[in-house]
């Protein structure tokens, strides 16, 4: 059972990091066929896509990555709580 919690925690951390890197890279001009950009979009779009339908733009800024990272961190806390309450 501990393996599941470790996997979920690691997955959440990797997703948070990928979203953060994608947000930072969006500030720089980059070709859409760049391999790093393609991989980051493939990893993060399943999370960011549905959130974009719910989270409004703030002026010209898309705050969806911030909301996604906050939600992932809340999920991480829940996984940690479940892992420690199980033992």
C-alpha atoms as a PDB file:
ATOM      1  CA  UNK A   1       0.000   0.000   0.000  1.00  0.00           C
ATOM      2  CA  UNK A   2       2.899   2.330   0.715  1.00  0.00           C
ATOM      3  CA  UNK A   3       4.029   1.966  -2.911  1.00  0.00           C
ATOM      4  CA  UNK A   4       0.760   3.473  -4.121  1.00  0.00           C
ATOM      5  CA  UNK A   5       1.184   6.534  -1.909  1.00  0.00           C
ATOM      6  CA  UNK A   6       4.779   7.008  -3.025  1.00  0.00           C
ATOM      7  CA  UNK A   7       3.724   6.691  -6.674  1.00  0.00           C
ATOM      8  CA  UNK A   8       0.877   9.207  -6.272  1.00  0.00           C
ATOM      9  CA  UNK A   9       3.094  11.648  -4.413  1.00  0.00           C
ATOM     10  CA  UNK A  10       5.807  11.383  -7.065  1.00  0.00           C
ATOM     11  CA  UNK A  11       3.285  11.774  -9.891  1.00  0.00           C
ATOM     12  CA  UNK A  12       1.825  14.897  -8.299  1.00  0.00           C
ATOM     13  CA  UNK A  13       5.289  16.404  -7.821  1.00  0.00           C
ATOM     14  CA  UNK A  14       6.295  15.668 -11.430  1.00  0.00           C
ATOM     15  CA  UNK A  15       3.067  17.194 -12.743  1.00  0.00           C
ATOM     16  CA  UNK A  16       3.520  20.303 -10.594  1.00  0.00           C
ATOM     17  CA  UNK A  17       7.088  20.697 -11.833  1.00  0.00           C
ATOM     18  CA  UNK A  18       6.055  20.200 -15.476  1.00  0.00           C
ATOM     19  CA  UNK A  19       3.299  22.818 -15.164  1.00  0.00           C
ATOM     20  CA  UNK A  20       5.733  25.249 -13.544  1.00  0.00           C
ATOM     21  CA  UNK A  21       8.323  24.742 -16.311  1.00  0.00           C
ATOM     22  CA  UNK A  22       5.656  25.138 -18.999  1.00  0.00           C
ATOM     23  CA  UNK A  23       4.482  28.394 -17.440  1.00  0.00           C
ATOM     24  CA  UNK A  24       8.048  29.749 -17.273  1.00  0.00           C
ATOM     25  CA  UNK A  25       8.802  28.700 -20.854  1.00  0.00           C
ATOM     26  CA  UNK A  26       5.660  30.470 -22.066  1.00  0.00           C
ATOM     27  CA  UNK A  27       7.399  33.775 -21.325  1.00  0.00           C
ATOM     28  CA  UNK A  28      10.035  33.059 -23.986  1.00  0.00           C
ATOM     29  CA  UNK A  29       9.551  32.765 -27.736  1.00  0.00           C
ATOM     30  CA  UNK A  30       9.722  29.114 -28.671  1.00  0.00           C
ATOM     31  CA  UNK A  31       8.812  27.195 -31.779  1.00  0.00           C
ATOM     32  CA  UNK A  32       5.760  24.972 -31.274  1.00  0.00           C
ATOM     33  CA  UNK A  33       7.617  21.968 -32.684  1.00  0.00           C
ATOM     34  CA  UNK A  34      10.368  22.214 -30.057  1.00  0.00           C
ATOM     35  CA  UNK A  35      10.673  18.726 -28.473  1.00  0.00           C
ATOM     36  CA  UNK A  36      10.660  20.105 -24.922  1.00  0.00           C
ATOM     37  CA  UNK A  37       7.538  22.155 -25.589  1.00  0.00           C
ATOM     38  CA  UNK A  38       5.788  19.193 -27.223  1.00  0.00           C
ATOM     39  CA  UNK A  39       6.530  16.914 -24.257  1.00  0.00           C
ATOM     40  CA  UNK A  40       5.432  19.524 -21.712  1.00  0.00           C
ATOM     41  CA  UNK A  41       2.173  20.130 -23.576  1.00  0.00           C
ATOM     42  CA  UNK A  42       1.470  16.396 -23.765  1.00  0.00           C
ATOM     43  CA  UNK A  43       2.100  16.002 -20.030  1.00  0.00           C
ATOM     44  CA  UNK A  44       0.256  19.075 -18.775  1.00  0.00           C
ATOM     45  CA  UNK A  45      -2.621  19.624 -21.194  1.00  0.00           C
ATOM     46  CA  UNK A  46      -4.851  16.890 -19.690  1.00  0.00           C
ATOM     47  CA  UNK A  47      -4.810  18.935 -16.470  1.00  0.00           C
ATOM     48  CA  UNK A  48      -4.710  22.476 -17.839  1.00  0.00           C
ATOM     49  CA  UNK A  49      -7.222  21.998 -20.669  1.00  0.00           C
ATOM     50  CA  UNK A  50     -10.298  21.277 -18.530  1.00  0.00           C
ATOM     51  CA  UNK A  51      -9.271  23.922 -15.986  1.00  0.00           C
ATOM     52  CA  UNK A  52      -9.115  26.593 -18.711  1.00  0.00           C
ATOM     53  CA  UNK A  53     -12.840  26.064 -19.272  1.00  0.00           C
ATOM     54  CA  UNK A  54     -13.525  26.885 -15.603  1.00  0.00           C
ATOM     55  CA  UNK A  55     -10.855  29.417 -14.593  1.00  0.00           C
ATOM     56  CA  UNK A  56     -11.343  32.864 -16.154  1.00  0.00           C
ATOM     57  CA  UNK A  57      -8.492  34.920 -17.570  1.00  0.00           C
ATOM     58  CA  UNK A  58      -7.284  37.772 -15.376  1.00  0.00           C
ATOM     59  CA  UNK A  59      -6.740  40.561 -17.870  1.00  0.00           C
ATOM     60  CA  UNK A  60      -4.281  39.149 -20.378  1.00  0.00           C
ATOM     61  CA  UNK A  61      -2.891  36.581 -17.931  1.00  0.00           C
ATOM     62  CA  UNK A  62      -3.836  32.924 -17.803  1.00  0.00           C
ATOM     63  CA  UNK A  63      -3.786  31.864 -14.143  1.00  0.00           C
ATOM     64  CA  UNK A  64      -4.705  28.261 -14.925  1.00  0.00           C
ATOM     65  CA  UNK A  65      -1.169  26.946 -14.155  1.00  0.00           C
ATOM     66  CA  UNK A  66      -1.291  28.591 -10.728  1.00  0.00           C
ATOM     67  CA  UNK A  67      -4.700  27.083  -9.973  1.00  0.00           C
ATOM     68  CA  UNK A  68      -3.530  23.672 -11.211  1.00  0.00           C
ATOM     69  CA  UNK A  69      -0.426  23.735  -9.003  1.00  0.00           C
ATOM     70  CA  UNK A  70      -2.504  24.747  -5.968  1.00  0.00           C
ATOM     71  CA  UNK A  71      -4.971  21.920  -6.623  1.00  0.00           C
ATOM     72  CA  UNK A  72      -2.125  19.433  -7.075  1.00  0.00           C
ATOM     73  CA  UNK A  73      -0.569  20.540  -3.791  1.00  0.00           C
ATOM     74  CA  UNK A  74      -3.906  20.075  -2.013  1.00  0.00           C
ATOM     75  CA  UNK A  75      -4.094  16.590  -3.511  1.00  0.00           C
ATOM     76  CA  UNK A  76      -0.528  15.942  -2.331  1.00  0.00           C
ATOM     77  CA  UNK A  77      -1.498  16.897   1.214  1.00  0.00           C
ATOM     78  CA  UNK A  78      -4.494  14.566   1.048  1.00  0.00           C
ATOM     79  CA  UNK A  79      -2.314  11.701  -0.172  1.00  0.00           C
ATOM     80  CA  UNK A  80       0.174  12.381   2.636  1.00  0.00           C
ATOM     81  CA  UNK A  81      -2.645  12.469   5.183  1.00  0.00           C
ATOM     82  CA  UNK A  82      -4.066   9.185   3.907  1.00  0.00           C
ATOM     83  CA  UNK A  83      -0.627   7.575   3.907  1.00  0.00           C
ATOM     84  CA  UNK A  84       0.103   8.566   7.490  1.00  0.00           C
ATOM     85  CA  UNK A  85      -3.381   7.800   8.803  1.00  0.00           C
ATOM     86  CA  UNK A  86      -3.166   4.321   7.278  1.00  0.00           C
ATOM     87  CA  UNK A  87      -0.189   3.396   9.449  1.00  0.00           C
END
